[in-house]
Amino acid sequence: MSELPNTTGDEAKSGFRHVRLVIALAVASLLGTFAVYTALADSAMPVVAVAKAADYKGERIRLEGKVTQTDGDAADAGGLRFTLRDYEGPQTVEVVYRGSVPDAYRVGRDVVIDGTMTDGVLQAVPDTLVTKCPSKYEDKATASSGTS
């Protein structure tokens, strides 16, 4: 007479639990990979200075510069129209923007905005206008020399 291994119901349930655990971990890994990919895909957008904006016709870019003039209202159909100047040169780009405007927005403020270059004008993506805080980017030597 041959002896069959004595398998109880608990051992069968334990094996099933391991299979469920492996499947759950595989799904979690796939979801984590997708989350990381989508986060990195958004950061793949080039950050462009005003002087180089014309090189990105029809492409979505993140443009940074200093506001030199502004006109209109972001809530109107015509949108807020403003001009960005390059940090290191005289080049400028016109921007058309619709959406929320940060409280710190004004002429002279450094901003970052997403959009697409069309006919020399940045058609901004709504609600992507962000102002830079000058104190965060101020040179430490300049900041300390002003207090002495």
Protein backbone atom coordinates (compact mmCIF):
# COMPACT_ATOMS: atom_id res chain seq x y z
CA MET A 1 0.00 0.00 0.00
CA SER A 2 1.41 3.35 -0.97
CA GLU A 3 1.19 6.24 1.33
CA LEU A 4 -0.19 9.50 0.06
CA PRO A 5 1.10 12.71 1.50
CA ASN A 6 -1.15 13.97 4.23
CA THR A 7 -2.38 17.37 2.99
CA THR A 8 -4.74 19.21 5.15
CA GLY A 9 -7.03 22.02 4.18
CA ASP A 10 -4.75 24.54 5.92
CA GLU A 11 -1.82 23.68 3.66
CA ALA A 12 -3.95 24.10 0.52
CA LYS A 13 -5.21 27.46 1.78
CA SER A 14 -1.63 28.53 2.52
CA GLY A 15 -0.57 27.78 -1.06
CA PHE A 16 -3.51 29.76 -2.41
CA ARG A 17 -2.55 32.71 -0.19
CA HIS A 18 0.96 32.72 -1.66
CA VAL A 19 -0.43 32.83 -5.19
CA ARG A 20 -2.70 35.75 -4.27
CA LEU A 21 0.25 37.55 -2.67
CA VAL A 22 2.39 37.14 -5.78
CA ILE A 23 -0.41 38.42 -8.01
CA ALA A 24 -1.05 41.40 -5.72
CA LEU A 25 2.66 42.28 -5.68
CA ALA A 26 2.85 42.05 -9.48
CA VAL A 27 -0.13 44.38 -9.88
CA ALA A 28 1.32 46.81 -7.33
CA SER A 29 4.65 46.79 -9.20
CA LEU A 30 2.94 47.57 -12.49
CA LEU A 31 0.95 50.42 -10.93
CA GLY A 32 4.10 51.82 -9.31
CA THR A 33 5.98 51.66 -12.60
CA PHE A 34 3.12 53.47 -14.35
CA ALA A 35 3.07 56.19 -11.68
CA VAL A 36 6.81 56.79 -11.98
CA TYR A 37 6.61 56.84 -15.79
CA THR A 38 3.81 59.42 -15.84
CA ALA A 39 5.67 61.60 -13.34
CA LEU A 40 8.84 61.53 -15.42
CA ALA A 41 7.01 61.99 -18.72
CA ASP A 42 5.69 65.36 -17.54
CA SER A 43 9.16 66.51 -16.52
CA ALA A 44 10.48 65.62 -19.99
CA MET A 45 9.05 68.90 -21.31
CA PRO A 46 11.97 71.19 -22.17
CA VAL A 47 12.46 74.29 -20.04
CA VAL A 48 13.34 77.00 -22.53
CA ALA A 49 14.75 80.50 -22.24
CA VAL A 50 13.00 83.22 -24.23
CA ALA A 51 15.99 83.50 -26.61
CA LYS A 52 15.51 79.86 -27.72
CA ALA A 53 11.69 79.76 -27.83
CA ALA A 54 11.51 80.28 -31.61
CA ASP A 55 13.41 77.00 -32.09
CA TYR A 56 10.44 75.06 -30.66
CA LYS A 57 7.68 75.93 -33.16
CA GLY A 58 4.63 73.76 -32.61
CA GLU A 59 6.16 71.97 -29.60
CA ARG A 60 4.94 72.17 -26.04
CA ILE A 61 7.53 73.90 -23.89
CA ARG A 62 7.96 75.38 -20.44
CA LEU A 63 9.07 78.99 -20.96
CA GLU A 64 10.73 81.16 -18.35
CA GLY A 65 11.46 84.87 -18.43
CA LYS A 66 10.75 88.28 -16.94
CA VAL A 67 7.41 90.05 -17.51
CA THR A 68 8.04 93.41 -19.21
CA GLN A 69 4.50 94.46 -20.07
CA THR A 70 0.99 93.12 -19.56
CA ASP A 71 -2.46 93.85 -20.97
CA GLY A 72 -5.91 92.29 -20.86
CA ASP A 73 -7.58 89.89 -18.46
CA ALA A 74 -7.00 86.15 -18.17
CA ALA A 75 -10.74 85.62 -17.64
CA ASP A 76 -11.74 87.36 -20.92
CA ALA A 77 -12.02 85.63 -24.29
CA GLY A 78 -8.96 87.54 -25.56
CA GLY A 79 -6.96 86.43 -22.55
CA LEU A 80 -4.12 88.04 -20.67
CA ARG A 81 -1.42 89.19 -23.07
CA PHE A 82 2.05 89.82 -21.76
CA THR A 83 5.63 89.99 -22.95
CA LEU A 84 8.46 87.91 -21.53
CA ARG A 85 12.07 89.07 -21.86
CA ASP A 86 15.07 86.78 -21.83
CA TYR A 87 17.19 86.91 -18.66
CA GLU A 88 20.44 87.47 -20.54
CA GLY A 89 19.46 89.36 -23.66
CA PRO A 90 16.97 91.66 -25.36
CA GLN A 91 14.85 88.89 -26.95
CA THR A 92 11.15 88.87 -26.11
CA VAL A 93 8.16 86.57 -26.67
CA GLU A 94 4.50 87.49 -26.61
CA VAL A 95 2.28 85.22 -24.47
CA VAL A 96 -1.49 84.72 -24.56
CA TYR A 97 -2.79 83.21 -21.33
CA ARG A 98 -6.17 82.23 -19.92
CA GLY A 99 -6.71 80.89 -16.44
CA SER A 100 -5.89 81.74 -12.85
CA VAL A 101 -3.29 84.42 -12.24
CA PRO A 102 -1.02 84.21 -9.18
CA ASP A 103 -1.30 87.06 -6.68
CA ALA A 104 2.42 87.82 -7.12
CA TYR A 105 2.09 88.31 -10.91
CA ARG A 106 3.13 91.78 -12.11
CA VAL A 107 5.54 93.55 -14.45
CA GLY A 108 9.12 92.82 -13.44
CA ARG A 109 8.35 89.39 -11.96
CA ASP A 110 10.08 86.23 -13.20
CA VAL A 111 7.57 83.63 -14.37
CA VAL A 112 7.40 80.10 -15.74
CA ILE A 113 4.58 79.05 -18.08
CA ASP A 114 3.73 76.07 -20.30
CA GLY A 115 2.52 76.46 -23.85
CA THR A 116 3.06 75.96 -27.56
CA MET A 117 4.87 78.37 -29.87
CA THR A 118 2.57 79.37 -32.74
CA ASP A 119 3.53 82.15 -35.18
CA GLY A 120 6.02 83.62 -32.69
CA VAL A 121 3.47 83.75 -29.85
CA LEU A 122 3.31 81.35 -26.92
CA GLN A 123 -0.23 80.01 -26.67
CA ALA A 124 -0.21 79.18 -22.97
CA VAL A 125 -1.85 76.19 -21.35
CA PRO A 126 -4.54 77.39 -18.92
CA ASP A 127 -3.59 77.50 -15.24
CA THR A 128 0.15 76.94 -15.78
CA LEU A 129 1.39 80.46 -14.95
CA VAL A 130 3.74 80.36 -11.95
CA THR A 131 5.70 83.28 -10.51
CA LYS A 132 9.16 82.82 -9.10
CA CYS A 133 9.93 84.21 -5.67
CA PRO A 134 12.89 86.59 -6.06
CA SER A 135 14.19 85.97 -2.53
CA LYS A 136 14.64 82.26 -3.29
CA TYR A 137 16.79 82.97 -6.34
CA GLU A 138 18.68 85.99 -5.11
CA ASP A 139 22.45 85.57 -4.93
CA LYS A 140 23.54 85.11 -1.29
CA ALA A 141 26.41 87.54 -1.72
CA THR A 142 24.02 90.23 -3.00
CA ALA A 143 21.57 89.57 -0.16
CA SER A 144 24.23 89.79 2.54
CA SER A 145 25.87 92.91 1.05
CA GLY A 146 22.58 94.80 1.30
CA THR A 147 22.44 94.35 5.07
CA SER A 148 25.89 95.68 5.92
